Amino acid sequence: MLEQFTSWLLGLLKQLFADLWEFISDALLGILDVIITAFVTLVSAIPVPDFLGTGLGSVFAQLDSGVLWLVTQAGVPQGLAVLGLGYAFRLLRKFLTLFQW
């Protein structure tokens, strides 16, 4: 009888700690959700500058034809694309590792 009571009590304590762990992990996920939502709201509230709103195509379209040829031959559009991809990769790596590196 005493052995059954102690095993029941031990099972009750194990279930209590398992439920407490679930509660804590759910609370942490809720807090993380609020933080991420606030971050997204802040980032979306940043206004886009006028010269970036239309893209780099409009900037290159305003160049003189001779300058545009020189810029194209120098590979500036491809270089800007590589820089943009590198920056995007760096930001993605930072987010995926939770700003560890």
PDB file of N, CA and C in Angstrom:
ATOM      1  N   MET A   1       0.821  -1.193   0.000  1.00  0.00           N
ATOM      2  CA  MET A   1       0.000   0.000   0.000  1.00  0.00           C
ATOM      3  C   MET A   1       0.869   1.264   0.000  1.00  0.00           C
ATOM      4  N   LEU A   2       1.900   1.257   0.848  1.00  0.00           N
ATOM      5  CA  LEU A   2       2.789   2.410   0.923  1.00  0.00           C
ATOM      6  C   LEU A   2       3.594   2.565  -0.367  1.00  0.00           C
ATOM      7  N   GLU A   3       3.960   1.436  -0.966  1.00  0.00           N
ATOM      8  CA  GLU A   3       4.713   1.485  -2.218  1.00  0.00           C
ATOM      9  C   GLU A   3       3.859   2.059  -3.344  1.00  0.00           C
ATOM     10  N   GLN A   4       2.616   1.719  -3.399  1.00  0.00           N
ATOM     11  CA  GLN A   4       1.705   2.269  -4.404  1.00  0.00           C
ATOM     12  C   GLN A   4       1.516   3.775  -4.203  1.00  0.00           C
ATOM     13  N   PHE A   5       1.419   4.192  -2.946  1.00  0.00           N
ATOM     14  CA  PHE A   5       1.256   5.614  -2.654  1.00  0.00           C
ATOM     15  C   PHE A   5       2.494   6.404  -3.072  1.00  0.00           C
ATOM     16  N   THR A   6       3.670   5.863  -2.745  1.00  0.00           N
ATOM     17  CA  THR A   6       4.908   6.581  -3.111  1.00  0.00           C
ATOM     18  C   THR A   6       5.102   6.612  -4.619  1.00  0.00           C
ATOM     19  N   SER A   7       4.758   5.525  -5.321  1.00  0.00           N
ATOM     20  CA  SER A   7       4.887   5.544  -6.784  1.00  0.00           C
ATOM     21  C   SER A   7       3.873   6.521  -7.390  1.00  0.00           C
ATOM     22  N   TRP A   8       2.675   6.590  -6.821  1.00  0.00           N
ATOM     23  CA  TRP A   8       1.678   7.560  -7.290  1.00  0.00           C
ATOM     24  C   TRP A   8       2.161   8.981  -7.041  1.00  0.00           C
ATOM     25  N   LEU A   9       2.733   9.223  -5.863  1.00  0.00           N
ATOM     26  CA  LEU A   9       3.252  10.548  -5.522  1.00  0.00           C
ATOM     27  C   LEU A   9       4.424  10.920  -6.426  1.00  0.00           C
ATOM     28  N   LEU A  10       5.306   9.944  -6.704  1.00  0.00           N
ATOM     29  CA  LEU A  10       6.442  10.203  -7.601  1.00  0.00           C
ATOM     30  C   LEU A  10       5.946  10.513  -9.010  1.00  0.00           C
ATOM     31  N   GLY A  11       4.964   9.777  -9.496  1.00  0.00           N
ATOM     32  CA  GLY A  11       4.386  10.057 -10.807  1.00  0.00           C
ATOM     33  C   GLY A  11       3.730  11.424 -10.853  1.00  0.00           C
ATOM     34  N   LEU A  12       3.075  11.813  -9.752  1.00  0.00           N
ATOM     35  CA  LEU A  12       2.457  13.125  -9.667  1.00  0.00           C
ATOM     36  C   LEU A  12       3.504  14.233  -9.718  1.00  0.00           C
ATOM     37  N   LEU A  13       4.612  14.053  -9.016  1.00  0.00           N
ATOM     38  CA  LEU A  13       5.690  15.055  -9.031  1.00  0.00           C
ATOM     39  C   LEU A  13       6.339  15.149 -10.418  1.00  0.00           C
ATOM     40  N   LYS A  14       6.529  13.986 -11.061  1.00  0.00           N
ATOM     41  CA  LYS A  14       7.101  14.003 -12.409  1.00  0.00           C
ATOM     42  C   LYS A  14       6.187  14.750 -13.371  1.00  0.00           C
ATOM     43  N   GLN A  15       4.898  14.494 -13.277  1.00  0.00           N
ATOM     44  CA  GLN A  15       3.940  15.175 -14.144  1.00  0.00           C
ATOM     45  C   GLN A  15       3.903  16.669 -13.841  1.00  0.00           C
ATOM     46  N   LEU A  16       4.027  17.031 -12.553  1.00  0.00           N
ATOM     47  CA  LEU A  16       4.043  18.442 -12.171  1.00  0.00           C
ATOM     48  C   LEU A  16       5.231  19.163 -12.806  1.00  0.00           C
ATOM     49  N   PHE A  17       6.424  18.560 -12.733  1.00  0.00           N
ATOM     50  CA  PHE A  17       7.600  19.189 -13.315  1.00  0.00           C
ATOM     51  C   PHE A  17       7.536  19.218 -14.844  1.00  0.00           C
ATOM     52  N   ALA A  18       6.952  18.183 -15.448  1.00  0.00           N
ATOM     53  CA  ALA A  18       6.797  18.180 -16.906  1.00  0.00           C
ATOM     54  C   ALA A  18       5.835  19.293 -17.334  1.00  0.00           C
ATOM     55  N   ASP A  19       4.738  19.442 -16.596  1.00  0.00           N
ATOM     56  CA  ASP A  19       3.787  20.505 -16.922  1.00  0.00           C
ATOM     57  C   ASP A  19       4.384  21.882 -16.672  1.00  0.00           C
ATOM     58  N   LEU A  20       5.168  22.007 -15.599  1.00  0.00           N
ATOM     59  CA  LEU A  20       5.832  23.280 -15.312  1.00  0.00           C
ATOM     60  C   LEU A  20       6.815  23.629 -16.431  1.00  0.00           C
ATOM     61  N   TRP A  21       7.552  22.638 -16.936  1.00  0.00           N
ATOM     62  CA  TRP A  21       8.485  22.874 -18.042  1.00  0.00           C
ATOM     63  C   TRP A  21       7.735  23.312 -19.299  1.00  0.00           C
ATOM     64  N   GLU A  22       6.620  22.675 -19.590  1.00  0.00           N
ATOM     65  CA  GLU A  22       5.808  23.064 -20.741  1.00  0.00           C
ATOM     66  C   GLU A  22       5.290  24.497 -20.596  1.00  0.00           C
ATOM     67  N   PHE A  23       4.872  24.857 -19.393  1.00  0.00           N
ATOM     68  CA  PHE A  23       4.386  26.212 -19.143  1.00  0.00           C
ATOM     69  C   PHE A  23       5.487  27.241 -19.366  1.00  0.00           C
ATOM     70  N   ILE A  24       6.677  26.954 -18.862  1.00  0.00           N
ATOM     71  CA  ILE A  24       7.798  27.889 -19.014  1.00  0.00           C
ATOM     72  C   ILE A  24       8.192  28.017 -20.485  1.00  0.00           C
ATOM     73  N   SER A  25       8.239  26.888 -21.199  1.00  0.00           N
ATOM     74  CA  SER A  25       8.621  26.975 -22.613  1.00  0.00           C
ATOM     75  C   SER A  25       7.548  27.710 -23.423  1.00  0.00           C
ATOM     76  N   ASP A  26       6.278  27.502 -23.107  1.00  0.00           N
ATOM     77  CA  ASP A  26       5.218  28.248 -23.795  1.00  0.00           C
ATOM     78  C   ASP A  26       5.290  29.739 -23.486  1.00  0.00           C
ATOM     79  N   ALA A  27       5.613  30.082 -22.236  1.00  0.00           N
ATOM     80  CA  ALA A  27       5.739  31.490 -21.870  1.00  0.00           C
ATOM     81  C   ALA A  27       6.914  32.134 -22.604  1.00  0.00           C
ATOM     82  N   LEU A  28       8.030  31.421 -22.714  1.00  0.00           N
ATOM     83  CA  LEU A  28       9.188  31.961 -23.440  1.00  0.00           C
ATOM     84  C   LEU A  28       8.879  32.132 -24.925  1.00  0.00           C
ATOM     85  N   LEU A  29       8.153  31.187 -25.502  1.00  0.00           N
ATOM     86  CA  LEU A  29       7.770  31.334 -26.908  1.00  0.00           C
ATOM     87  C   LEU A  29       6.823  32.513 -27.103  1.00  0.00           C
ATOM     88  N   GLY A  30       5.937  32.736 -26.144  1.00  0.00           N
ATOM     89  CA  GLY A  30       5.045  33.892 -26.225  1.00  0.00           C
ATOM     90  C   GLY A  30       5.820  35.201 -26.151  1.00  0.00           C
ATOM     91  N   ILE A  31       6.801  35.255 -25.266  1.00  0.00           N
ATOM     92  CA  ILE A  31       7.631  36.458 -25.137  1.00  0.00           C
ATOM     93  C   ILE A  31       8.439  36.671 -26.410  1.00  0.00           C
ATOM     94  N   LEU A  32       8.997  35.591 -26.966  1.00  0.00           N
ATOM     95  CA  LEU A  32       9.757  35.700 -28.207  1.00  0.00           C
ATOM     96  C   LEU A  32       8.865  36.167 -29.352  1.00  0.00           C
ATOM     97  N   ASP A  33       7.631  35.700 -29.383  1.00  0.00           N
ATOM     98  CA  ASP A  33       6.681  36.139 -30.408  1.00  0.00           C
ATOM     99  C   ASP A  33       6.406  37.634 -30.295  1.00  0.00           C
ATOM    100  N   VAL A  34       6.250  38.126 -29.081  1.00  0.00           N
ATOM    101  CA  VAL A  34       6.006  39.560 -28.883  1.00  0.00           C
ATOM    102  C   VAL A  34       7.227  40.371 -29.325  1.00  0.00           C
ATOM    103  N   ILE A  35       8.417  39.898 -29.001  1.00  0.00           N
ATOM    104  CA  ILE A  35       9.645  40.611 -29.369  1.00  0.00           C
ATOM    105  C   ILE A  35       9.800  40.658 -30.887  1.00  0.00           C
ATOM    106  N   ILE A  36       9.575  39.528 -31.553  1.00  0.00           N
ATOM    107  CA  ILE A  36       9.721  39.488 -33.009  1.00  0.00           C
ATOM    108  C   ILE A  36       8.666  40.350 -33.683  1.00  0.00           C
ATOM    109  N   THR A  37       7.446  40.324 -33.166  1.00  0.00           N
ATOM    110  CA  THR A  37       6.391  41.165 -33.726  1.00  0.00           C
ATOM    111  C   THR A  37       6.734  42.647 -33.561  1.00  0.00           C
ATOM    112  N   ALA A  38       7.264  43.021 -32.405  1.00  0.00           N
ATOM    113  CA  ALA A  38       7.665  44.414 -32.189  1.00  0.00           C
ATOM    114  C   ALA A  38       8.798  44.805 -33.136  1.00  0.00           C
ATOM    115  N   PHE A  39       9.745  43.899 -33.361  1.00  0.00           N
ATOM    116  CA  PHE A  39      10.857  44.176 -34.271  1.00  0.00           C
ATOM    117  C   PHE A  39      10.352  44.366 -35.703  1.00  0.00           C
ATOM    118  N   VAL A  40       9.440  43.504 -36.124  1.00  0.00           N
ATOM    119  CA  VAL A  40       8.882  43.626 -37.474  1.00  0.00           C
ATOM    120  C   VAL A  40       8.120  44.933 -37.619  1.00  0.00           C
ATOM    121  N   THR A  41       7.392  45.315 -36.576  1.00  0.00           N
ATOM    122  CA  THR A  41       6.651  46.575 -36.618  1.00  0.00           C
ATOM    123  C   THR A  41       7.604  47.761 -36.721  1.00  0.00           C
ATOM    124  N   LEU A  42       8.696  47.721 -35.960  1.00  0.00           N
ATOM    125  CA  LEU A  42       9.675  48.807 -36.018  1.00  0.00           C
ATOM    126  C   LEU A  42      10.343  48.895 -37.388  1.00  0.00           C
ATOM    127  N   VAL A  43      10.707  47.760 -37.941  1.00  0.00           N
ATOM    128  CA  VAL A  43      11.380  47.769 -39.248  1.00  0.00           C
ATOM    129  C   VAL A  43      10.423  48.246 -40.330  1.00  0.00           C
ATOM    130  N   SER A  44       9.170  47.840 -40.258  1.00  0.00           N
ATOM    131  CA  SER A  44       8.222  48.279 -41.281  1.00  0.00           C
ATOM    132  C   SER A  44       7.856  49.751 -41.134  1.00  0.00           C
ATOM    133  N   ALA A  45       8.117  50.341 -39.975  1.00  0.00           N
ATOM    134  CA  ALA A  45       7.817  51.757 -39.774  1.00  0.00           C
ATOM    135  C   ALA A  45       8.912  52.676 -40.323  1.00  0.00           C
ATOM    136  N   ILE A  46      10.070  52.105 -40.679  1.00  0.00           N
ATOM    137  CA  ILE A  46      11.162  52.916 -41.223  1.00  0.00           C
ATOM    138  C   ILE A  46      10.788  53.337 -42.647  1.00  0.00           C
ATOM    139  N   PRO A  47      10.785  54.637 -42.919  1.00  0.00           N
ATOM    140  CA  PRO A  47      10.409  55.067 -44.272  1.00  0.00           C
ATOM    141  C   PRO A  47      11.529  54.780 -45.272  1.00  0.00           C
ATOM    142  N   VAL A  48      11.135  54.442 -46.478  1.00  0.00           N
ATOM    143  CA  VAL A  48      12.099  54.183 -47.546  1.00  0.00           C
ATOM    144  C   VAL A  48      12.495  55.525 -48.157  1.00  0.00           C
ATOM    145  N   PRO A  49      13.798  55.808 -48.294  1.00  0.00           N
ATOM    146  CA  PRO A  49      14.212  57.067 -48.924  1.00  0.00           C
ATOM    147  C   PRO A  49      13.696  57.154 -50.366  1.00  0.00           C
ATOM    148  N   ASP A  50      13.504  58.371 -50.822  1.00  0.00           N
ATOM    149  CA  ASP A  50      12.938  58.591 -52.161  1.00  0.00           C
ATOM    150  C   ASP A  50      13.799  57.987 -53.267  1.00  0.00           C
ATOM    151  N   PHE A  51      15.116  58.119 -53.124  1.00  0.00           N
ATOM    152  CA  PHE A  51      15.971  57.624 -54.200  1.00  0.00           C
ATOM    153  C   PHE A  51      16.031  56.105 -54.227  1.00  0.00           C
ATOM    154  N   LEU A  52      15.660  55.437 -53.123  1.00  0.00           N
ATOM    155  CA  LEU A  52      15.623  53.977 -53.128  1.00  0.00           C
ATOM    156  C   LEU A  52      14.241  53.431 -53.464  1.00  0.00           C
ATOM    157  N   GLY A  53      13.239  54.263 -53.394  1.00  0.00           N
ATOM    158  CA  GLY A  53      11.881  53.810 -53.666  1.00  0.00           C
ATOM    159  C   GLY A  53      11.680  53.370 -55.098  1.00  0.00           C
ATOM    160  N   THR A  54      12.384  54.002 -56.021  1.00  0.00           N
ATOM    161  CA  THR A  54      12.239  53.645 -57.430  1.00  0.00           C
ATOM    162  C   THR A  54      13.274  52.630 -57.879  1.00  0.00           C
ATOM    163  N   GLY A  55      14.275  52.361 -57.080  1.00  0.00           N
ATOM    164  CA  GLY A  55      15.291  51.373 -57.414  1.00  0.00           C
ATOM    165  C   GLY A  55      16.486  51.984 -58.119  1.00  0.00           C
ATOM    166  N   LEU A  56      17.490  51.162 -58.318  1.00  0.00           N
ATOM    167  CA  LEU A  56      18.701  51.630 -58.991  1.00  0.00           C
ATOM    168  C   LEU A  56      18.506  51.771 -60.493  1.00  0.00           C
ATOM    169  N   GLY A  57      17.483  51.146 -61.026  1.00  0.00           N
ATOM    170  CA  GLY A  57      17.225  51.271 -62.466  1.00  0.00           C
ATOM    171  C   GLY A  57      16.952  52.696 -62.872  1.00  0.00           C
ATOM    172  N   SER A  58      16.222  53.426 -62.040  1.00  0.00           N
ATOM    173  CA  SER A  58      15.948  54.821 -62.377  1.00  0.00           C
ATOM    174  C   SER A  58      17.204  55.675 -62.234  1.00  0.00           C
ATOM    175  N   VAL A  59      18.078  55.313 -61.321  1.00  0.00           N
ATOM    176  CA  VAL A  59      19.339  56.058 -61.169  1.00  0.00           C
ATOM    177  C   VAL A  59      20.208  55.851 -62.415  1.00  0.00           C
ATOM    178  N   PHE A  60      20.312  54.598 -62.880  1.00  0.00           N
ATOM    179  CA  PHE A  60      21.109  54.325 -64.069  1.00  0.00           C
ATOM    180  C   PHE A  60      20.458  54.901 -65.320  1.00  0.00           C
ATOM    181  N   ALA A  61      19.144  54.980 -65.345  1.00  0.00           N
ATOM    182  CA  ALA A  61      18.451  55.522 -66.518  1.00  0.00           C
ATOM    183  C   ALA A  61      18.712  57.018 -66.677  1.00  0.00           C
ATOM    184  N   GLN A  62      19.016  57.721 -65.614  1.00  0.00           N
ATOM    185  CA  GLN A  62      19.263  59.161 -65.682  1.00  0.00           C
ATOM    186  C   GLN A  62      20.680  59.487 -66.126  1.00  0.00           C
ATOM    187  N   LEU A  63      21.539  58.476 -66.216  1.00  0.00           N
ATOM    188  CA  LEU A  63      22.923  58.722 -66.629  1.00  0.00           C
ATOM    189  C   LEU A  63      22.998  59.005 -68.127  1.00  0.00           C
ATOM    190  N   ASP A  64      24.031  59.730 -68.497  1.00  0.00           N
ATOM    191  CA  ASP A  64      24.316  59.975 -69.911  1.00  0.00           C
ATOM    192  C   ASP A  64      24.684  58.647 -70.574  1.00  0.00           C
ATOM    193  N   SER A  65      24.444  58.541 -71.858  1.00  0.00           N
ATOM    194  CA  SER A  65      24.682  57.261 -72.538  1.00  0.00           C
ATOM    195  C   SER A  65      26.155  56.860 -72.494  1.00  0.00           C
ATOM    196  N   GLY A  66      27.062  57.814 -72.596  1.00  0.00           N
ATOM    197  CA  GLY A  66      28.496  57.494 -72.523  1.00  0.00           C
ATOM    198  C   GLY A  66      28.896  57.012 -71.139  1.00  0.00           C
ATOM    199  N   VAL A  67      28.380  57.681 -70.137  1.00  0.00           N
ATOM    200  CA  VAL A  67      28.681  57.275 -68.759  1.00  0.00           C
ATOM    201  C   VAL A  67      28.045  55.921 -68.458  1.00  0.00           C
ATOM    202  N   LEU A  68      26.847  55.718 -68.977  1.00  0.00           N
ATOM    203  CA  LEU A  68      26.164  54.444 -68.770  1.00  0.00           C
ATOM    204  C   LEU A  68      26.935  53.300 -69.413  1.00  0.00           C
ATOM    205  N   TRP A  69      27.482  53.530 -70.604  1.00  0.00           N
ATOM    206  CA  TRP A  69      28.292  52.503 -71.266  1.00  0.00           C
ATOM    207  C   TRP A  69      29.521  52.192 -70.425  1.00  0.00           C
ATOM    208  N   LEU A  70      30.189  53.238 -69.910  1.00  0.00           N
ATOM    209  CA  LEU A  70      31.383  53.039 -69.098  1.00  0.00           C
ATOM    210  C   LEU A  70      31.061  52.289 -67.808  1.00  0.00           C
ATOM    211  N   VAL A  71      29.946  52.639 -67.182  1.00  0.00           N
ATOM    212  CA  VAL A  71      29.537  51.970 -65.940  1.00  0.00           C
ATOM    213  C   VAL A  71      29.220  50.502 -66.214  1.00  0.00           C
ATOM    214  N   THR A  72      28.556  50.243 -67.330  1.00  0.00           N
ATOM    215  CA  THR A  72      28.212  48.865 -67.687  1.00  0.00           C
ATOM    216  C   THR A  72      29.467  48.055 -68.006  1.00  0.00           C
ATOM    217  N   GLN A  73      30.409  48.648 -68.753  1.00  0.00           N
ATOM    218  CA  GLN A  73      31.640  47.942 -69.103  1.00  0.00           C
ATOM    219  C   GLN A  73      32.513  47.692 -67.871  1.00  0.00           C
ATOM    220  N   ALA A  74      32.438  48.581 -66.892  1.00  0.00           N
ATOM    221  CA  ALA A  74      33.217  48.396 -65.671  1.00  0.00           C
ATOM    222  C   ALA A  74      32.602  47.339 -64.755  1.00  0.00           C
ATOM    223  N   GLY A  75      31.358  46.936 -65.035  1.00  0.00           N
ATOM    224  CA  GLY A  75      30.722  45.886 -64.247  1.00  0.00           C
ATOM    225  C   GLY A  75      30.135  46.373 -62.942  1.00  0.00           C
ATOM    226  N   VAL A  76      29.772  47.648 -62.893  1.00  0.00           N
ATOM    227  CA  VAL A  76      29.204  48.202 -61.662  1.00  0.00           C
ATOM    228  C   VAL A  76      27.886  47.531 -61.285  1.00  0.00           C
ATOM    229  N   PRO A  77      26.959  47.275 -62.217  1.00  0.00           N
ATOM    230  CA  PRO A  77      25.717  46.606 -61.816  1.00  0.00           C
ATOM    231  C   PRO A  77      25.959  45.208 -61.230  1.00  0.00           C
ATOM    232  N   GLN A  78      26.873  44.460 -61.841  1.00  0.00           N
ATOM    233  CA  GLN A  78      27.182  43.132 -61.321  1.00  0.00           C
ATOM    234  C   GLN A  78      27.870  43.218 -59.959  1.00  0.00           C
ATOM    235  N   GLY A  79      28.738  44.207 -59.809  1.00  0.00           N
ATOM    236  CA  GLY A  79      29.400  44.403 -58.515  1.00  0.00           C
ATOM    237  C   GLY A  79      28.419  44.776 -57.422  1.00  0.00           C
ATOM    238  N   LEU A  80      27.462  45.631 -57.748  1.00  0.00           N
ATOM    239  CA  LEU A  80      26.441  45.989 -56.760  1.00  0.00           C
ATOM    240  C   LEU A  80      25.572  44.788 -56.414  1.00  0.00           C
ATOM    241  N   ALA A  81      25.308  43.933 -57.391  1.00  0.00           N
ATOM    242  CA  ALA A  81      24.524  42.727 -57.128  1.00  0.00           C
ATOM    243  C   ALA A  81      25.275  41.788 -56.184  1.00  0.00           C
ATOM    244  N   VAL A  82      26.572  41.626 -56.407  1.00  0.00           N
ATOM    245  CA  VAL A  82      27.381  40.769 -55.537  1.00  0.00           C
ATOM    246  C   VAL A  82      27.431  41.348 -54.128  1.00  0.00           C
ATOM    247  N   LEU A  83      27.598  42.655 -54.005  1.00  0.00           N
ATOM    248  CA  LEU A  83      27.604  43.283 -52.677  1.00  0.00           C
ATOM    249  C   LEU A  83      26.262  43.116 -51.974  1.00  0.00           C
ATOM    250  N   GLY A  84      25.180  43.273 -52.720  1.00  0.00           N
ATOM    251  CA  GLY A  84      23.854  43.091 -52.131  1.00  0.00           C
ATOM    252  C   GLY A  84      23.626  41.665 -51.667  1.00  0.00           C
ATOM    253  N   LEU A  85      24.043  40.691 -52.461  1.00  0.00           N
ATOM    254  CA  LEU A  85      23.910  39.296 -52.060  1.00  0.00           C
ATOM    255  C   LEU A  85      24.764  38.970 -50.848  1.00  0.00           C
ATOM    256  N   GLY A  86      25.960  39.516 -50.799  1.00  0.00           N
ATOM    257  CA  GLY A  86      26.820  39.300 -49.639  1.00  0.00           C
ATOM    258  C   GLY A  86      26.222  39.891 -48.373  1.00  0.00           C
ATOM    259  N   TYR A  87      25.675  41.070 -48.487  1.00  0.00           N
ATOM    260  CA  TYR A  87      25.045  41.709 -47.332  1.00  0.00           C
ATOM    261  C   TYR A  87      23.802  40.935 -46.895  1.00  0.00           C
ATOM    262  N   ALA A  88      23.016  40.476 -47.857  1.00  0.00           N
ATOM    263  CA  ALA A  88      21.821  39.686 -47.523  1.00  0.00           C
ATOM    264  C   ALA A  88      22.215  38.373 -46.852  1.00  0.00           C
ATOM    265  N   PHE A  89      23.277  37.720 -47.345  1.00  0.00           N
ATOM    266  CA  PHE A  89      23.745  36.482 -46.727  1.00  0.00           C
ATOM    267  C   PHE A  89      24.210  36.730 -45.303  1.00  0.00           C
ATOM    268  N   ARG A  90      24.922  37.831 -45.096  1.00  0.00           N
ATOM    269  CA  ARG A  90      25.407  38.151 -43.753  1.00  0.00           C
ATOM    270  C   ARG A  90      24.247  38.393 -42.785  1.00  0.00           C
ATOM    271  N   LEU A  91      23.237  39.133 -43.226  1.00  0.00           N
ATOM    272  CA  LEU A  91      22.072  39.369 -42.372  1.00  0.00           C
ATOM    273  C   LEU A  91      21.314  38.078 -42.090  1.00  0.00           C
ATOM    274  N   LEU A  92      21.154  37.234 -43.107  1.00  0.00           N
ATOM    275  CA  LEU A  92      20.459  35.970 -42.917  1.00  0.00           C
ATOM    276  C   LEU A  92      21.220  35.079 -41.937  1.00  0.00           C
ATOM    277  N   ARG A  93      22.533  35.044 -42.057  1.00  0.00           N
ATOM    278  CA  ARG A  93      23.345  34.251 -41.141  1.00  0.00           C
ATOM    279  C   ARG A  93      23.212  34.770 -39.719  1.00  0.00           C
ATOM    280  N   LYS A  94      23.193  36.084 -39.554  1.00  0.00           N
ATOM    281  CA  LYS A  94      23.029  36.668 -38.218  1.00  0.00           C
ATOM    282  C   LYS A  94      21.684  36.282 -37.615  1.00  0.00           C
ATOM    283  N   PHE A  95      20.612  36.361 -38.416  1.00  0.00           N
ATOM    284  CA  PHE A  95      19.287  36.032 -37.895  1.00  0.00           C
ATOM    285  C   PHE A  95      19.162  34.548 -37.572  1.00  0.00           C
ATOM    286  N   LEU A  96      19.697  33.692 -38.436  1.00  0.00           N
ATOM    287  CA  LEU A  96      19.556  32.256 -38.219  1.00  0.00           C
ATOM    288  C   LEU A  96      20.355  31.771 -37.015  1.00  0.00           C
ATOM    289  N   THR A  97      21.472  32.414 -36.709  1.00  0.00           N
ATOM    290  CA  THR A  97      22.251  32.010 -35.546  1.00  0.00           C
ATOM    291  C   THR A  97      21.928  32.848 -34.320  1.00  0.00           C
ATOM    292  N   LEU A  98      20.844  33.625 -34.392  1.00  0.00           N
ATOM    293  CA  LEU A  98      20.391  34.474 -33.282  1.00  0.00           C
ATOM    294  C   LEU A  98      21.495  35.413 -32.814  1.00  0.00           C
ATOM    295  N   PHE A  99      22.136  36.041 -33.780  1.00  0.00           N
ATOM    296  CA  PHE A  99      23.161  37.079 -33.547  1.00  0.00           C
ATOM    297  C   PHE A  99      24.366  36.537 -32.782  1.00  0.00           C
ATOM    298  N   GLN A 100      24.697  35.255 -32.978  1.00  0.00           N
ATOM    299  CA  GLN A 100      25.838  34.644 -32.298  1.00  0.00           C
ATOM    300  C   GLN A 100      27.167  35.069 -32.910  1.00  0.00           C
ATOM    301  N   TRP A 101      27.248  35.202 -34.255  1.00  0.00           N
ATOM    302  CA  TRP A 101      28.475  35.617 -34.885  1.00  0.00           C
ATOM    303  C   TRP A 101      28.235  36.776 -35.696  1.00  0.00           C
TER     304      TRP A 101
END
